[in-house]
């Protein structure tokens, strides 16, 4: 799995938003994979930046998590040996932060999970989390197309979006394309924070949180 890939490069309102075709949004889709039950255990992250309704940049990095005991290799295929010499989260995030410049919001599929991972990893490494609102593409897909099942594979199948599920780069790009497709259809990311579940972060020593976050991705 590559450690880096690059390509060239809502505010609250009571009024009806303008047509999606009249607004070219700038946002960043994000996806994390985690090593264990704790939210500070990010082992991979991908960011996909969209400007003017086009993907203009992609980055993917493996991350050395704080613990070597991997619980979810069977989901994403990442092992400790693959990340033992990878940079820690603070070094990776410092490199990725410029991708957020000028973005209006972050997007994630099941945003509560990815927001909680981002917050937990920032807290664990002494970094300040970004203040951007999150748009959840699960909720957006349900609102736009009235889908009963809105897992990432289901939405990608509906929209004919290629997907290698639980590959962070593939998941982040799919999320970006869902947001773009919703804008073309006539839906827009609602203003304010939008998450599928509370963004609670587990800490070492606490009981493992439920893995429901993974069942809708």
N, C-alpha and C. Protein backbone atom coordinates (compact mmCIF):
# COMPACT_ATOMS: atom_id res chain seq x y z
N UNK A 1 0.85 -1.20 0.00
CA UNK A 1 0.00 0.00 0.00
C UNK A 1 0.88 1.24 0.00
N UNK A 2 0.67 2.23 -0.89
CA UNK A 2 1.54 3.40 -0.95
C UNK A 2 1.36 4.27 0.27
N UNK A 3 2.44 4.97 0.65
CA UNK A 3 2.37 5.84 1.81
C UNK A 3 1.97 7.25 1.44
N UNK A 4 2.06 7.62 0.19
CA UNK A 4 1.65 8.96 -0.20
C UNK A 4 1.30 8.96 -1.68
N UNK A 5 0.20 9.61 -1.99
CA UNK A 5 -0.20 9.75 -3.38
C UNK A 5 -0.67 11.17 -3.58
N UNK A 6 -0.14 11.83 -4.59
CA UNK A 6 -0.54 13.20 -4.86
C UNK A 6 -0.97 13.34 -6.31
N UNK A 7 -1.88 14.26 -6.55
CA UNK A 7 -2.20 14.64 -7.91
C UNK A 7 -2.20 16.15 -7.96
N UNK A 8 -1.95 16.78 -9.18
CA UNK A 8 -1.90 18.23 -9.24
C UNK A 8 -3.18 18.84 -8.67
N UNK A 9 -2.36 19.55 -8.56
CA UNK A 9 -3.54 20.15 -8.08
C UNK A 9 -4.43 20.81 -9.15
N UNK A 10 -21.61 24.71 6.18
CA UNK A 10 -22.42 25.71 5.51
C UNK A 10 -22.86 26.73 6.54
N UNK A 11 -22.57 27.73 6.13
CA UNK A 11 -23.00 28.65 7.14
C UNK A 11 -24.49 28.51 7.37
N UNK A 12 -24.97 28.82 8.62
CA UNK A 12 -26.38 28.66 8.94
C UNK A 12 -27.21 29.72 8.22
N UNK A 13 -28.34 29.30 7.71
CA UNK A 13 -29.23 30.23 7.02
C UNK A 13 -30.63 29.66 7.05
N UNK A 14 -31.61 30.53 7.16
CA UNK A 14 -33.00 30.10 7.12
C UNK A 14 -33.54 30.19 5.70
N UNK A 15 -32.77 30.77 4.78
CA UNK A 15 -33.19 30.89 3.40
C UNK A 15 -32.88 29.62 2.63
N UNK A 16 -33.59 29.40 1.54
CA UNK A 16 -33.33 28.26 0.68
C UNK A 16 -31.95 28.43 0.05
N UNK A 17 -31.08 27.40 0.11
CA UNK A 17 -29.74 27.55 -0.45
C UNK A 17 -29.80 27.72 -1.96
N UNK A 18 -28.78 28.38 -2.52
CA UNK A 18 -28.76 28.54 -3.97
C UNK A 18 -28.58 27.21 -4.66
N UNK A 19 -28.86 27.18 -5.96
CA UNK A 19 -28.71 25.95 -6.74
C UNK A 19 -27.29 25.43 -6.63
N UNK A 20 -27.11 24.11 -6.45
CA UNK A 20 -25.77 23.54 -6.37
C UNK A 20 -24.93 23.88 -7.59
N UNK A 21 -25.55 24.02 -8.75
CA UNK A 21 -24.80 24.33 -9.96
C UNK A 21 -24.26 25.75 -9.93
N UNK A 22 -24.84 26.61 -9.09
CA UNK A 22 -24.38 27.99 -9.03
C UNK A 22 -23.30 28.19 -7.98
N UNK A 23 -23.03 27.15 -7.20
CA UNK A 23 -22.02 27.25 -6.14
C UNK A 23 -20.99 26.16 -6.33
N UNK A 24 -19.77 26.56 -6.46
CA UNK A 24 -18.68 25.61 -6.59
C UNK A 24 -18.00 25.51 -5.24
N UNK A 25 -18.27 24.41 -4.56
CA UNK A 25 -17.83 24.27 -3.19
C UNK A 25 -16.39 23.77 -3.12
N UNK A 26 -15.72 24.17 -2.06
CA UNK A 26 -14.40 23.64 -1.74
C UNK A 26 -14.51 22.85 -0.45
N UNK A 27 -14.21 21.56 -0.51
CA UNK A 27 -14.30 20.73 0.69
C UNK A 27 -13.24 19.63 0.61
N UNK A 28 -13.07 18.94 1.72
CA UNK A 28 -12.11 17.84 1.80
C UNK A 28 -12.81 16.62 2.37
N UNK A 29 -12.75 15.52 1.64
CA UNK A 29 -13.26 14.24 2.15
C UNK A 29 -12.14 13.53 2.89
N UNK A 30 -12.48 12.89 4.00
CA UNK A 30 -11.47 12.26 4.84
C UNK A 30 -11.93 10.86 5.23
N UNK A 31 -10.97 9.94 5.34
CA UNK A 31 -11.29 8.59 5.81
C UNK A 31 -10.13 8.06 6.63
N UNK A 32 -10.46 7.44 7.76
CA UNK A 32 -9.48 6.79 8.63
C UNK A 32 -9.73 5.29 8.66
N UNK A 33 -8.66 4.53 8.84
CA UNK A 33 -8.73 3.14 9.26
C UNK A 33 -8.04 3.05 10.61
N UNK A 34 -8.58 2.22 11.51
CA UNK A 34 -8.04 2.13 12.86
C UNK A 34 -7.50 0.73 13.14
N UNK A 35 -6.55 0.67 14.07
CA UNK A 35 -5.88 -0.59 14.39
C UNK A 35 -6.65 -1.39 15.43
N UNK A 36 -7.27 -0.69 16.39
CA UNK A 36 -7.95 -1.39 17.48
C UNK A 36 -9.23 -0.67 17.85
N UNK A 37 -9.80 -0.99 19.01
CA UNK A 37 -11.09 -0.45 19.41
C UNK A 37 -11.03 1.01 19.82
N UNK A 38 -9.85 1.55 20.03
CA UNK A 38 -9.72 2.90 20.55
C UNK A 38 -9.55 3.90 19.42
N UNK A 39 -10.18 5.04 19.57
CA UNK A 39 -10.24 6.01 18.49
C UNK A 39 -8.89 6.68 18.20
N UNK A 40 -7.94 6.57 19.08
CA UNK A 40 -6.63 7.18 18.81
C UNK A 40 -5.71 6.24 18.03
N UNK A 41 -6.24 5.14 17.51
CA UNK A 41 -5.40 4.11 16.89
C UNK A 41 -5.40 4.19 15.36
N UNK A 42 -5.53 5.38 14.79
CA UNK A 42 -5.50 5.51 13.34
C UNK A 42 -4.24 4.87 12.77
N UNK A 43 -4.42 4.03 11.77
CA UNK A 43 -3.28 3.40 11.11
C UNK A 43 -3.20 3.77 9.64
N UNK A 44 -4.21 4.45 9.13
CA UNK A 44 -4.19 4.97 7.76
C UNK A 44 -5.16 6.13 7.67
N UNK A 45 -4.84 7.10 6.83
CA UNK A 45 -5.71 8.24 6.60
C UNK A 45 -5.58 8.66 5.14
N UNK A 46 -6.67 9.12 4.58
CA UNK A 46 -6.65 9.68 3.23
C UNK A 46 -7.49 10.94 3.19
N UNK A 47 -7.02 11.93 2.46
CA UNK A 47 -7.74 13.17 2.24
C UNK A 47 -7.87 13.40 0.74
N UNK A 48 -9.06 13.81 0.31
CA UNK A 48 -9.33 14.13 -1.09
C UNK A 48 -9.93 15.54 -1.12
N UNK A 49 -9.25 16.45 -1.79
CA UNK A 49 -9.70 17.85 -1.84
C UNK A 49 -10.47 18.12 -3.13
N UNK A 50 -11.60 18.80 -2.98
CA UNK A 50 -12.45 19.15 -4.10
C UNK A 50 -12.55 20.67 -4.20
N UNK A 51 -12.30 21.19 -5.39
CA UNK A 51 -12.47 22.62 -5.68
C UNK A 51 -13.23 22.74 -7.00
N UNK A 52 -14.22 23.62 -7.03
CA UNK A 52 -14.95 23.84 -8.27
C UNK A 52 -15.57 22.57 -8.82
N UNK A 53 -16.04 21.71 -7.91
CA UNK A 53 -16.68 20.45 -8.28
C UNK A 53 -15.74 19.46 -8.96
N UNK A 54 -14.43 19.63 -8.74
CA UNK A 54 -13.45 18.71 -9.29
C UNK A 54 -12.46 18.29 -8.20
N UNK A 55 -12.06 17.03 -8.24
CA UNK A 55 -11.01 16.56 -7.33
C UNK A 55 -9.69 17.12 -7.80
N UNK A 56 -9.00 17.85 -6.93
CA UNK A 56 -7.75 18.50 -7.31
C UNK A 56 -6.54 17.96 -6.58
N UNK A 57 -6.74 17.20 -5.50
CA UNK A 57 -5.60 16.68 -4.75
C UNK A 57 -6.02 15.46 -3.95
N UNK A 58 -5.10 14.52 -3.83
CA UNK A 58 -5.31 13.32 -3.03
C UNK A 58 -4.06 13.04 -2.23
N UNK A 59 -4.22 12.63 -0.98
CA UNK A 59 -3.07 12.15 -0.19
C UNK A 59 -3.51 10.96 0.65
N UNK A 60 -2.63 10.00 0.73
CA UNK A 60 -2.86 8.80 1.55
C UNK A 60 -1.60 8.50 2.32
N UNK A 61 -1.75 8.20 3.62
CA UNK A 61 -0.60 7.88 4.46
C UNK A 61 -0.92 6.74 5.41
N UNK A 62 0.03 5.87 5.57
CA UNK A 62 0.00 4.93 6.68
C UNK A 62 0.50 5.64 7.93
N UNK A 63 -0.01 5.24 9.09
CA UNK A 63 0.31 5.88 10.37
C UNK A 63 0.73 4.81 11.36
N UNK A 64 1.76 5.11 12.14
CA UNK A 64 2.13 4.21 13.23
C UNK A 64 1.23 4.51 14.43
N UNK A 65 0.33 3.60 14.79
CA UNK A 65 -0.57 3.85 15.92
C UNK A 65 0.18 3.68 17.25
N UNK A 66 -0.43 4.09 18.35
CA UNK A 66 0.28 4.01 19.64
C UNK A 66 0.42 2.60 20.19
N UNK A 67 -0.29 1.62 19.62
CA UNK A 67 -0.21 0.24 20.10
C UNK A 67 -0.01 -0.70 18.93
N UNK A 68 0.71 -1.79 19.16
CA UNK A 68 1.05 -2.71 18.08
C UNK A 68 0.06 -3.87 17.93
N UNK A 69 -0.90 -3.97 18.83
CA UNK A 69 -1.86 -5.07 18.79
C UNK A 69 -3.02 -4.70 17.86
N UNK A 70 -3.00 -5.21 16.63
CA UNK A 70 -4.02 -4.88 15.64
C UNK A 70 -5.22 -5.81 15.78
N UNK A 71 -6.41 -5.20 15.79
CA UNK A 71 -7.65 -5.96 15.91
C UNK A 71 -8.43 -6.04 14.60
N UNK A 72 -8.14 -5.15 13.66
CA UNK A 72 -8.98 -5.04 12.47
C UNK A 72 -8.23 -5.27 11.16
N UNK A 73 -7.15 -6.03 11.23
CA UNK A 73 -6.43 -6.37 10.00
C UNK A 73 -7.35 -7.08 9.02
N UNK A 74 -8.28 -7.89 9.54
CA UNK A 74 -9.19 -8.63 8.65
C UNK A 74 -10.14 -7.70 7.90
N UNK A 75 -10.27 -6.45 8.37
CA UNK A 75 -11.15 -5.49 7.70
C UNK A 75 -10.38 -4.71 6.63
N UNK A 76 -9.22 -4.15 7.02
CA UNK A 76 -8.51 -3.25 6.09
C UNK A 76 -7.20 -3.81 5.55
N UNK A 77 -6.73 -4.94 6.10
CA UNK A 77 -5.53 -5.56 5.59
C UNK A 77 -4.23 -4.97 6.09
N UNK A 78 -4.29 -3.98 6.97
CA UNK A 78 -3.07 -3.34 7.48
C UNK A 78 -2.58 -4.10 8.71
N UNK A 79 -1.28 -4.35 8.76
CA UNK A 79 -0.66 -5.05 9.88
C UNK A 79 0.37 -4.14 10.56
N UNK A 80 0.77 -4.55 11.77
CA UNK A 80 1.79 -3.78 12.48
C UNK A 80 3.08 -3.69 11.68
N UNK A 81 3.47 -4.76 11.03
CA UNK A 81 4.73 -4.74 10.28
C UNK A 81 4.69 -3.70 9.15
N UNK A 82 3.51 -3.39 8.65
CA UNK A 82 3.38 -2.40 7.58
C UNK A 82 3.53 -0.97 8.08
N UNK A 83 3.29 -0.74 9.38
CA UNK A 83 3.30 0.63 9.90
C UNK A 83 4.34 0.84 11.00
N UNK A 84 5.11 -0.18 11.33
CA UNK A 84 6.06 -0.09 12.44
C UNK A 84 7.05 1.05 12.24
N UNK A 85 7.39 1.35 10.99
CA UNK A 85 8.33 2.43 10.70
C UNK A 85 7.64 3.63 10.04
N UNK A 86 6.32 3.63 10.04
CA UNK A 86 5.58 4.76 9.47
C UNK A 86 5.60 5.93 10.44
N UNK A 87 5.37 7.15 9.97
CA UNK A 87 5.32 8.31 10.88
C UNK A 87 4.12 8.23 11.81
N UNK A 88 4.24 8.85 12.96
CA UNK A 88 3.13 8.92 13.90
C UNK A 88 2.13 9.97 13.42
N UNK A 89 0.96 9.98 14.06
CA UNK A 89 -0.12 10.84 13.59
C UNK A 89 0.28 12.30 13.54
N UNK A 90 0.98 12.81 14.54
CA UNK A 90 1.30 14.23 14.57
C UNK A 90 2.12 14.64 13.35
N UNK A 91 3.05 13.80 12.92
CA UNK A 91 3.86 14.12 11.75
C UNK A 91 3.02 14.05 10.47
N UNK A 92 2.16 13.06 10.39
CA UNK A 92 1.30 12.93 9.20
C UNK A 92 0.34 14.11 9.10
N UNK A 93 -0.31 14.45 10.21
CA UNK A 93 -1.32 15.51 10.17
C UNK A 93 -0.69 16.86 9.87
N UNK A 94 0.51 17.11 10.36
CA UNK A 94 1.20 18.36 10.05
C UNK A 94 1.41 18.49 8.54
N UNK A 95 1.70 17.37 7.90
CA UNK A 95 1.88 17.37 6.44
C UNK A 95 0.56 17.56 5.71
N UNK A 96 -0.53 17.05 6.26
CA UNK A 96 -1.82 17.09 5.58
C UNK A 96 -2.57 18.41 5.77
N UNK A 97 -2.29 19.13 6.83
CA UNK A 97 -3.07 20.33 7.17
C UNK A 97 -3.21 21.33 6.02
N UNK A 98 -2.18 21.55 5.20
CA UNK A 98 -2.36 22.51 4.09
C UNK A 98 -3.50 22.16 3.14
N UNK A 99 -3.88 20.88 3.06
CA UNK A 99 -4.99 20.50 2.19
C UNK A 99 -6.32 21.08 2.67
N UNK A 100 -6.40 21.45 3.94
CA UNK A 100 -7.64 21.99 4.49
C UNK A 100 -7.80 23.48 4.26
N UNK A 101 -6.74 24.15 3.81
CA UNK A 101 -6.79 25.61 3.67
C UNK A 101 -7.90 26.02 2.71
N UNK A 102 -8.78 26.88 3.18
CA UNK A 102 -9.86 27.39 2.34
C UNK A 102 -11.04 26.46 2.19
N UNK A 103 -10.99 25.29 2.81
CA UNK A 103 -12.12 24.34 2.70
C UNK A 103 -13.30 24.85 3.52
N UNK A 104 -14.50 24.60 3.00
CA UNK A 104 -15.72 25.01 3.70
C UNK A 104 -16.18 23.98 4.72
N UNK A 105 -15.86 22.71 4.47
CA UNK A 105 -16.25 21.66 5.40
C UNK A 105 -15.46 20.40 5.10
N UNK A 106 -15.48 19.47 6.04
CA UNK A 106 -14.95 18.12 5.85
C UNK A 106 -16.12 17.19 5.57
N UNK A 107 -15.89 16.17 4.77
CA UNK A 107 -16.92 15.17 4.48
C UNK A 107 -16.38 13.80 4.82
N UNK A 108 -17.25 12.94 5.35
CA UNK A 108 -16.86 11.56 5.64
C UNK A 108 -18.10 10.69 5.58
N UNK A 109 -17.91 9.43 5.26
CA UNK A 109 -19.04 8.50 5.23
C UNK A 109 -19.16 7.90 6.62
N UNK A 110 -20.24 8.23 7.30
CA UNK A 110 -20.41 8.01 8.74
C UNK A 110 -19.45 8.93 9.48
N UNK A 111 -19.75 10.22 9.39
CA UNK A 111 -18.82 11.25 9.85
C UNK A 111 -18.53 11.19 11.34
N UNK A 112 -19.47 10.66 12.13
CA UNK A 112 -19.22 10.58 13.57
C UNK A 112 -17.98 9.77 13.89
N UNK A 113 -17.77 8.70 13.14
CA UNK A 113 -16.59 7.85 13.36
C UNK A 113 -15.31 8.60 13.01
N UNK A 114 -15.23 9.15 11.82
CA UNK A 114 -13.99 9.79 11.38
C UNK A 114 -13.69 11.05 12.19
N UNK A 115 -14.74 11.79 12.57
CA UNK A 115 -14.51 12.97 13.40
C UNK A 115 -13.97 12.57 14.76
N UNK A 116 -14.49 11.49 15.33
CA UNK A 116 -14.02 11.06 16.65
C UNK A 116 -12.59 10.55 16.58
N UNK A 117 -12.22 9.88 15.48
CA UNK A 117 -10.83 9.43 15.32
C UNK A 117 -9.90 10.64 15.20
N UNK A 118 -10.29 11.60 14.39
CA UNK A 118 -9.47 12.80 14.22
C UNK A 118 -9.30 13.53 15.55
N UNK A 119 -10.38 13.71 16.29
CA UNK A 119 -10.30 14.41 17.57
C UNK A 119 -9.44 13.64 18.57
N UNK A 120 -9.61 12.32 18.63
CA UNK A 120 -8.85 11.51 19.58
C UNK A 120 -7.36 11.51 19.25
N UNK A 121 -7.03 11.42 17.97
CA UNK A 121 -5.63 11.42 17.57
C UNK A 121 -4.98 12.78 17.84
N UNK A 122 -5.72 13.85 17.58
CA UNK A 122 -5.20 15.18 17.89
C UNK A 122 -4.98 15.34 19.40
N UNK A 123 -5.94 14.90 20.19
CA UNK A 123 -5.82 14.99 21.64
C UNK A 123 -4.62 14.20 22.15
N UNK A 124 -4.44 13.00 21.61
CA UNK A 124 -3.35 12.13 22.08
C UNK A 124 -1.98 12.67 21.72
N UNK A 125 -1.89 13.47 20.67
CA UNK A 125 -0.59 13.97 20.21
C UNK A 125 -0.41 15.47 20.47
N UNK A 126 -1.33 16.07 21.19
CA UNK A 126 -1.19 17.47 21.57
C UNK A 126 -1.46 18.46 20.45
N UNK A 127 -2.23 18.05 19.44
CA UNK A 127 -2.57 18.93 18.34
C UNK A 127 -3.98 19.47 18.50
N UNK A 128 -4.23 20.63 17.91
CA UNK A 128 -5.56 21.21 17.94
C UNK A 128 -6.37 20.66 16.78
N UNK A 129 -7.54 20.08 17.05
CA UNK A 129 -8.37 19.56 15.94
C UNK A 129 -8.86 20.69 15.05
N UNK A 130 -9.08 20.43 13.78
CA UNK A 130 -9.64 21.47 12.91
C UNK A 130 -11.04 21.84 13.36
N UNK A 131 -11.42 23.07 13.09
CA UNK A 131 -12.73 23.57 13.52
C UNK A 131 -13.78 23.45 12.41
N UNK A 132 -13.42 22.89 11.28
CA UNK A 132 -14.37 22.73 10.19
C UNK A 132 -15.53 21.82 10.57
N UNK A 133 -16.73 22.16 10.11
CA UNK A 133 -17.87 21.28 10.29
C UNK A 133 -17.70 20.03 9.43
N UNK A 134 -18.38 18.97 9.84
CA UNK A 134 -18.38 17.72 9.09
C UNK A 134 -19.73 17.53 8.40
N UNK A 135 -19.70 17.09 7.17
CA UNK A 135 -20.89 16.63 6.46
C UNK A 135 -20.81 15.12 6.35
N UNK A 136 -21.90 14.44 6.67
CA UNK A 136 -21.94 12.98 6.62
C UNK A 136 -22.58 12.54 5.31
N UNK A 137 -21.82 11.80 4.49
CA UNK A 137 -22.36 11.37 3.20
C UNK A 137 -23.37 10.23 3.36
N UNK A 138 -23.40 9.56 4.51
CA UNK A 138 -24.49 8.60 4.77
C UNK A 138 -25.81 9.36 4.83
N UNK A 139 -25.85 10.36 5.65
CA UNK A 139 -27.07 11.15 5.80
C UNK A 139 -27.43 11.88 4.51
N UNK A 140 -26.41 12.40 3.83
CA UNK A 140 -26.65 13.12 2.58
C UNK A 140 -27.26 12.20 1.53
N UNK A 141 -26.74 10.96 1.43
CA UNK A 141 -27.27 9.99 0.46
C UNK A 141 -28.71 9.64 0.78
N UNK A 142 -29.02 9.46 2.05
CA UNK A 142 -30.40 9.14 2.43
C UNK A 142 -31.34 10.29 2.10
N UNK A 143 -30.90 11.52 2.35
CA UNK A 143 -31.74 12.68 2.08
C UNK A 143 -31.93 12.92 0.59
N UNK A 144 -30.87 12.69 -0.19
CA UNK A 144 -30.90 13.02 -1.61
C UNK A 144 -31.64 11.98 -2.44
N UNK A 145 -31.38 10.70 -2.15
CA UNK A 145 -31.93 9.63 -2.99
C UNK A 145 -32.90 8.72 -2.25
N UNK A 146 -33.23 9.06 -1.01
CA UNK A 146 -34.19 8.26 -0.22
C UNK A 146 -33.76 6.80 -0.14
N UNK A 147 -32.46 6.58 0.02
CA UNK A 147 -31.94 5.21 0.13
C UNK A 147 -32.22 4.66 1.52
N UNK A 148 -32.71 3.42 1.59
CA UNK A 148 -32.90 2.78 2.89
C UNK A 148 -31.58 2.24 3.43
N UNK A 149 -30.74 1.74 2.52
CA UNK A 149 -29.42 1.26 2.90
C UNK A 149 -28.39 2.22 2.35
N UNK A 150 -27.56 2.78 3.23
CA UNK A 150 -26.61 3.82 2.80
C UNK A 150 -25.19 3.52 3.25
N UNK A 151 -24.84 2.23 3.37
CA UNK A 151 -23.44 1.91 3.60
C UNK A 151 -22.65 2.37 2.39
N UNK A 152 -21.35 2.53 2.54
CA UNK A 152 -20.54 3.01 1.42
C UNK A 152 -20.64 2.08 0.21
N UNK A 153 -20.55 0.75 0.37
CA UNK A 153 -20.73 -0.11 -0.81
C UNK A 153 -22.09 0.05 -1.47
N UNK A 154 -23.16 0.20 -0.67
CA UNK A 154 -24.50 0.34 -1.23
C UNK A 154 -24.64 1.63 -2.03
N UNK A 155 -24.14 2.74 -1.48
CA UNK A 155 -24.26 4.02 -2.19
C UNK A 155 -23.40 4.01 -3.45
N UNK A 156 -22.20 3.44 -3.35
CA UNK A 156 -21.32 3.38 -4.52
C UNK A 156 -21.93 2.51 -5.62
N UNK A 157 -22.58 1.43 -5.23
CA UNK A 157 -23.26 0.59 -6.22
C UNK A 157 -24.38 1.37 -6.89
N UNK A 158 -25.14 2.11 -6.11
CA UNK A 158 -26.26 2.90 -6.64
C UNK A 158 -25.77 3.96 -7.63
N UNK A 159 -24.62 4.58 -7.32
CA UNK A 159 -24.10 5.67 -8.15
C UNK A 159 -23.05 5.21 -9.15
N UNK A 160 -22.75 3.90 -9.14
CA UNK A 160 -21.73 3.36 -10.05
C UNK A 160 -20.36 4.01 -9.81
N UNK A 161 -19.99 4.12 -8.53
CA UNK A 161 -18.68 4.66 -8.14
C UNK A 161 -17.76 3.50 -7.81
N UNK A 162 -16.58 3.42 -8.41
CA UNK A 162 -15.64 2.35 -8.07
C UNK A 162 -15.25 2.43 -6.59
N UNK A 163 -15.08 1.27 -5.97
CA UNK A 163 -14.76 1.25 -4.54
C UNK A 163 -13.93 0.03 -4.18
N UNK A 164 -12.85 0.27 -3.45
CA UNK A 164 -12.10 -0.79 -2.76
C UNK A 164 -12.32 -0.55 -1.28
N UNK A 165 -13.37 -1.13 -0.74
CA UNK A 165 -13.84 -0.75 0.59
C UNK A 165 -12.78 -1.02 1.66
N UNK A 166 -12.66 -0.03 2.58
CA UNK A 166 -11.71 -0.03 3.68
C UNK A 166 -10.28 0.19 3.22
N UNK A 167 -10.08 0.58 1.98
CA UNK A 167 -8.85 1.24 1.57
C UNK A 167 -9.12 2.72 1.77
N UNK A 168 -8.36 3.38 2.63
CA UNK A 168 -8.69 4.75 3.02
C UNK A 168 -8.79 5.69 1.83
N UNK A 169 -7.88 5.55 0.86
CA UNK A 169 -7.94 6.43 -0.31
C UNK A 169 -9.20 6.20 -1.11
N UNK A 170 -9.54 4.94 -1.35
CA UNK A 170 -10.74 4.62 -2.11
C UNK A 170 -11.99 5.11 -1.39
N UNK A 171 -12.05 4.91 -0.07
CA UNK A 171 -13.22 5.34 0.70
C UNK A 171 -13.37 6.86 0.69
N UNK A 172 -12.25 7.59 0.84
CA UNK A 172 -12.31 9.05 0.86
C UNK A 172 -12.74 9.59 -0.50
N UNK A 173 -12.21 9.02 -1.58
CA UNK A 173 -12.60 9.49 -2.91
C UNK A 173 -14.06 9.16 -3.19
N UNK A 174 -14.51 7.99 -2.75
CA UNK A 174 -15.92 7.65 -2.94
C UNK A 174 -16.81 8.64 -2.20
N UNK A 175 -16.44 9.00 -0.99
CA UNK A 175 -17.20 9.99 -0.23
C UNK A 175 -17.27 11.31 -0.98
N UNK A 176 -16.13 11.75 -1.50
CA UNK A 176 -16.11 13.01 -2.25
C UNK A 176 -17.04 12.94 -3.45
N UNK A 177 -17.04 11.82 -4.14
CA UNK A 177 -17.88 11.67 -5.33
C UNK A 177 -19.37 11.59 -4.97
N UNK A 178 -19.69 11.06 -3.79
CA UNK A 178 -21.08 11.06 -3.33
C UNK A 178 -21.56 12.48 -3.08
N UNK A 179 -20.73 13.28 -2.43
CA UNK A 179 -21.10 14.69 -2.18
C UNK A 179 -21.28 15.43 -3.49
N UNK A 180 -20.38 15.21 -4.44
CA UNK A 180 -20.50 15.85 -5.74
C UNK A 180 -21.77 15.40 -6.47
N UNK A 181 -22.06 14.10 -6.43
CA UNK A 181 -23.24 13.58 -7.09
C UNK A 181 -24.51 14.16 -6.48
N UNK A 182 -24.52 14.32 -5.16
CA UNK A 182 -25.69 14.90 -4.49
C UNK A 182 -25.89 16.34 -4.93
N UNK A 183 -24.81 17.09 -5.11
CA UNK A 183 -24.92 18.48 -5.55
C UNK A 183 -25.49 18.56 -6.97
N UNK A 184 -25.05 17.65 -7.84
CA UNK A 184 -25.54 17.63 -9.21
C UNK A 184 -27.03 17.26 -9.23
N UNK A 185 -27.41 16.33 -8.35
CA UNK A 185 -28.81 15.89 -8.29
C UNK A 185 -29.72 16.98 -7.76
N UNK A 186 -29.17 17.82 -6.91
CA UNK A 186 -29.98 18.90 -6.36
C UNK A 186 -29.91 19.00 -4.85
N UNK A 187 -29.14 18.08 -4.22
CA UNK A 187 -28.94 18.16 -2.78
C UNK A 187 -27.65 18.87 -2.48
N UNK A 188 -27.56 19.46 -1.30
CA UNK A 188 -26.33 20.11 -0.87
C UNK A 188 -26.05 19.71 0.56
N UNK A 189 -24.78 19.68 0.97
CA UNK A 189 -24.47 19.43 2.37
C UNK A 189 -25.14 20.47 3.26
N UNK A 190 -25.98 20.07 4.21
CA UNK A 190 -26.63 21.03 5.08
C UNK A 190 -25.63 21.81 5.91
N UNK A 191 -26.04 22.97 6.37
CA UNK A 191 -25.17 23.79 7.20
C UNK A 191 -24.99 23.15 8.57
N UNK A 192 -23.86 23.45 9.19
CA UNK A 192 -23.62 23.00 10.55
C UNK A 192 -23.14 21.59 10.63
N UNK A 193 -22.86 21.14 11.86
CA UNK A 193 -22.34 19.81 12.07
C UNK A 193 -23.38 18.76 11.73
N UNK A 194 -22.92 17.71 11.07
CA UNK A 194 -23.83 16.67 10.63
C UNK A 194 -23.13 15.34 10.78
N UNK A 195 -23.47 14.59 11.81
CA UNK A 195 -22.80 13.32 12.05
C UNK A 195 -23.83 12.24 12.32
N UNK A 196 -23.45 11.00 12.04
CA UNK A 196 -24.36 9.89 12.23
C UNK A 196 -24.46 9.47 13.69
N UNK A 197 -23.47 9.80 14.49
CA UNK A 197 -23.47 9.39 15.88
C UNK A 197 -22.59 10.34 16.67
N UNK A 198 -22.72 10.39 18.00
CA UNK A 198 -21.86 11.25 18.80
C UNK A 198 -20.40 10.89 18.57
N UNK A 199 -19.55 11.92 18.52
CA UNK A 199 -18.14 11.68 18.23
C UNK A 199 -17.37 11.43 19.53
N UNK A 200 -17.69 10.36 20.23
CA UNK A 200 -17.00 10.02 21.46
C UNK A 200 -15.74 9.27 21.14
N UNK A 201 -14.67 9.55 21.88
CA UNK A 201 -13.39 8.92 21.63
C UNK A 201 -13.02 8.04 22.81
N UNK A 202 -12.71 6.79 22.54
CA UNK A 202 -12.28 5.90 23.59
C UNK A 202 -10.87 6.25 24.03
N UNK A 203 -10.54 5.92 25.26
CA UNK A 203 -9.20 6.15 25.77
C UNK A 203 -8.67 4.84 26.32
N UNK A 204 -7.34 4.63 26.28
CA UNK A 204 -6.79 3.38 26.80
C UNK A 204 -7.25 3.12 28.23
N UNK A 205 -7.66 1.89 28.48
CA UNK A 205 -8.12 1.52 29.80
C UNK A 205 -9.62 1.50 29.93
N UNK A 206 -10.31 2.14 28.98
CA UNK A 206 -11.78 2.15 29.01
C UNK A 206 -12.30 0.95 28.23
N UNK A 207 -13.54 0.53 28.51
CA UNK A 207 -14.12 -0.58 27.73
C UNK A 207 -14.18 -0.22 26.26
N UNK A 208 -13.96 -1.18 25.37
CA UNK A 208 -14.02 -0.87 23.94
C UNK A 208 -15.39 -0.37 23.54
N UNK A 209 -15.44 0.69 22.71
CA UNK A 209 -16.74 1.17 22.24
C UNK A 209 -17.34 0.21 21.25
N UNK A 210 -18.65 0.31 21.08
CA UNK A 210 -19.33 -0.54 20.09
C UNK A 210 -18.80 -0.23 18.70
N UNK A 211 -18.76 -1.24 17.85
CA UNK A 211 -18.22 -1.06 16.51
C UNK A 211 -19.30 -0.72 15.50
N UNK A 212 -20.42 -0.16 15.95
CA UNK A 212 -21.49 0.16 15.03
C UNK A 212 -21.04 1.13 13.94
N UNK A 213 -20.01 1.92 14.25
CA UNK A 213 -19.53 2.87 13.26
C UNK A 213 -19.11 2.20 11.98
N UNK A 214 -18.59 0.97 12.07
CA UNK A 214 -18.11 0.27 10.89
C UNK A 214 -19.23 -0.36 10.08
N UNK A 215 -20.38 -0.59 10.68
CA UNK A 215 -21.41 -1.33 9.98
C UNK A 215 -22.09 -0.48 8.92
N UNK A 216 -21.96 0.84 8.97
CA UNK A 216 -22.60 1.69 8.00
C UNK A 216 -21.62 2.28 7.02
N UNK A 217 -20.40 1.80 7.01
CA UNK A 217 -19.40 2.35 6.09
C UNK A 217 -19.20 1.45 4.91
